[in-house]
Amino acid sequence: MRIADIKKQNIELKKQNAELKKELDMAEGQLKAFESLIAQKDARINELTKTQAELSAIVLRQSEELKATNKKLEKRAGFFSRLW
């Protein structure tokens, strides 16, 4: 191969390298954006999971309270039915 051909090939390879670097930089930017979105979604999922746990605890507590109230009302109903 002649020196001129090698120089020409070297210039072409440098152009390709520059183009590939631009594509790599763009891909890295997209990756960072996706990682940021994933982090936001993970944070939201954690927040919703915490909220769900809190709501489940509230529902369970209210259910127990309703059961206790229902038992009291049943006792009262029994008491009043005996009075009549």
C-alpha atoms as a PDB file:
ATOM      1  CA  MET A   1       0.000   0.000   0.000  1.00  0.00           C
ATOM      2  CA  ARG A   2       1.216   3.439  -0.753  1.00  0.00           C
ATOM      3  CA  ILE A   3       1.691   6.113   1.883  1.00  0.00           C
ATOM      4  CA  ALA A   4      -0.958   8.296   0.234  1.00  0.00           C
ATOM      5  CA  ASP A   5      -3.475   5.432   0.457  1.00  0.00           C
ATOM      6  CA  ILE A   6      -2.612   4.853   4.111  1.00  0.00           C
ATOM      7  CA  LYS A   7      -3.062   8.561   4.876  1.00  0.00           C
ATOM      8  CA  LYS A   8      -6.377   8.597   3.033  1.00  0.00           C
ATOM      9  CA  GLN A   9      -7.533   5.510   4.926  1.00  0.00           C
ATOM     10  CA  ASN A  10      -6.372   7.093   8.206  1.00  0.00           C
ATOM     11  CA  ILE A  11      -8.437  10.229   7.496  1.00  0.00           C
ATOM     12  CA  GLU A  12     -11.467   8.094   6.697  1.00  0.00           C
ATOM     13  CA  LEU A  13     -11.015   6.089   9.907  1.00  0.00           C
ATOM     14  CA  LYS A  14     -10.757   9.326  11.912  1.00  0.00           C
ATOM     15  CA  LYS A  15     -14.061  10.498  10.368  1.00  0.00           C
ATOM     16  CA  GLN A  16     -15.716   7.199  11.230  1.00  0.00           C
ATOM     17  CA  ASN A  17     -14.279   7.398  14.737  1.00  0.00           C
ATOM     18  CA  ALA A  18     -15.714  10.895  15.193  1.00  0.00           C
ATOM     19  CA  GLU A  19     -19.127   9.745  13.971  1.00  0.00           C
ATOM     20  CA  LEU A  20     -19.055   6.738  16.281  1.00  0.00           C
ATOM     21  CA  LYS A  21     -18.077   8.970  19.201  1.00  0.00           C
ATOM     22  CA  LYS A  22     -21.065  11.232  18.481  1.00  0.00           C
ATOM     23  CA  GLU A  23     -23.361   8.190  18.410  1.00  0.00           C
ATOM     24  CA  LEU A  24     -21.828   6.914  21.647  1.00  0.00           C
ATOM     25  CA  ASP A  25     -22.294  10.287  23.345  1.00  0.00           C
ATOM     26  CA  MET A  26     -25.914  10.378  22.198  1.00  0.00           C
ATOM     27  CA  ALA A  27     -26.494   6.809  23.429  1.00  0.00           C
ATOM     28  CA  GLU A  28     -24.927   7.663  26.793  1.00  0.00           C
ATOM     29  CA  GLY A  29     -27.244  10.670  27.070  1.00  0.00           C
ATOM     30  CA  GLN A  30     -30.249   8.486  26.321  1.00  0.00           C
ATOM     31  CA  LEU A  31     -29.050   5.923  28.862  1.00  0.00           C
ATOM     32  CA  LYS A  32     -28.778   8.608  31.550  1.00  0.00           C
ATOM     33  CA  ALA A  33     -32.281   9.820  30.699  1.00  0.00           C
ATOM     34  CA  PHE A  34     -33.655   6.279  30.958  1.00  0.00           C
ATOM     35  CA  GLU A  35     -31.818   5.702  34.236  1.00  0.00           C
ATOM     36  CA  SER A  36     -33.346   8.900  35.581  1.00  0.00           C
ATOM     37  CA  LEU A  37     -36.827   7.801  34.509  1.00  0.00           C
ATOM     38  CA  ILE A  38     -36.303   4.390  36.093  1.00  0.00           C
ATOM     39  CA  ALA A  39     -35.189   6.023  39.349  1.00  0.00           C
ATOM     40  CA  GLN A  40     -38.285   8.236  39.316  1.00  0.00           C
ATOM     41  CA  LYS A  41     -40.529   5.238  38.656  1.00  0.00           C
ATOM     42  CA  ASP A  42     -38.822   3.248  41.440  1.00  0.00           C
ATOM     43  CA  ALA A  43     -39.351   6.134  43.846  1.00  0.00           C
ATOM     44  CA  ARG A  44     -43.016   6.348  42.837  1.00  0.00           C
ATOM     45  CA  ILE A  45     -43.459   2.586  43.248  1.00  0.00           C
ATOM     46  CA  ASN A  46     -41.914   2.784  46.715  1.00  0.00           C
ATOM     47  CA  GLU A  47     -44.202   5.678  47.592  1.00  0.00           C
ATOM     48  CA  LEU A  48     -47.267   3.796  46.364  1.00  0.00           C
ATOM     49  CA  THR A  49     -46.215   0.643  48.210  1.00  0.00           C
ATOM     50  CA  LYS A  50     -45.890   2.636  51.428  1.00  0.00           C
ATOM     51  CA  THR A  51     -49.294   4.242  50.851  1.00  0.00           C
ATOM     52  CA  GLN A  52     -50.827   0.842  50.160  1.00  0.00           C
ATOM     53  CA  ALA A  53     -49.395  -0.541  53.399  1.00  0.00           C
ATOM     54  CA  GLU A  54     -50.754   2.433  55.327  1.00  0.00           C
ATOM     55  CA  LEU A  55     -54.187   2.048  53.741  1.00  0.00           C
ATOM     56  CA  SER A  56     -54.203  -1.685  54.440  1.00  0.00           C
ATOM     57  CA  ALA A  57     -53.437  -0.982  58.096  1.00  0.00           C
ATOM     58  CA  ILE A  58     -56.276   1.558  58.236  1.00  0.00           C
ATOM     59  CA  VAL A  59     -58.721  -0.857  56.607  1.00  0.00           C
ATOM     60  CA  LEU A  60     -57.689  -3.633  58.991  1.00  0.00           C
ATOM     61  CA  ARG A  61     -58.087  -1.362  62.023  1.00  0.00           C
ATOM     62  CA  GLN A  62     -61.480  -0.118  60.824  1.00  0.00           C
ATOM     63  CA  SER A  63     -62.581  -3.676  60.143  1.00  0.00           C
ATOM     64  CA  GLU A  64     -61.689  -4.665  63.705  1.00  0.00           C
ATOM     65  CA  GLU A  65     -63.503  -1.599  65.030  1.00  0.00           C
ATOM     66  CA  LEU A  66     -66.599  -2.479  62.997  1.00  0.00           C
ATOM     67  CA  LYS A  67     -66.533  -6.062  64.262  1.00  0.00           C
ATOM     68  CA  ALA A  68     -66.335  -4.820  67.854  1.00  0.00           C
ATOM     69  CA  THR A  69     -69.161  -2.333  67.260  1.00  0.00           C
ATOM     70  CA  ASN A  70     -71.241  -5.033  65.597  1.00  0.00           C
ATOM     71  CA  LYS A  71     -70.798  -7.327  68.610  1.00  0.00           C
ATOM     72  CA  LYS A  72     -71.896  -4.520  70.937  1.00  0.00           C
ATOM     73  CA  LEU A  73     -74.965  -3.868  68.801  1.00  0.00           C
ATOM     74  CA  GLU A  74     -75.819  -7.563  68.732  1.00  0.00           C
ATOM     75  CA  LYS A  75     -75.627  -7.678  72.529  1.00  0.00           C
ATOM     76  CA  ARG A  76     -77.875  -4.637  72.793  1.00  0.00           C
ATOM     77  CA  ALA A  77     -80.331  -6.136  70.314  1.00  0.00           C
ATOM     78  CA  GLY A  78     -80.403  -9.324  72.381  1.00  0.00           C
ATOM     79  CA  PHE A  79     -80.932  -7.330  75.542  1.00  0.00           C
ATOM     80  CA  PHE A  80     -83.798  -5.322  74.045  1.00  0.00           C
ATOM     81  CA  SER A  81     -85.418  -8.393  72.503  1.00  0.00           C
ATOM     82  CA  ARG A  82     -85.521  -9.985  75.960  1.00  0.00           C
ATOM     83  CA  LEU A  83     -87.159  -6.871  77.351  1.00  0.00           C
ATOM     84  CA  TRP A  84     -90.018  -7.073  74.870  1.00  0.00           C
END
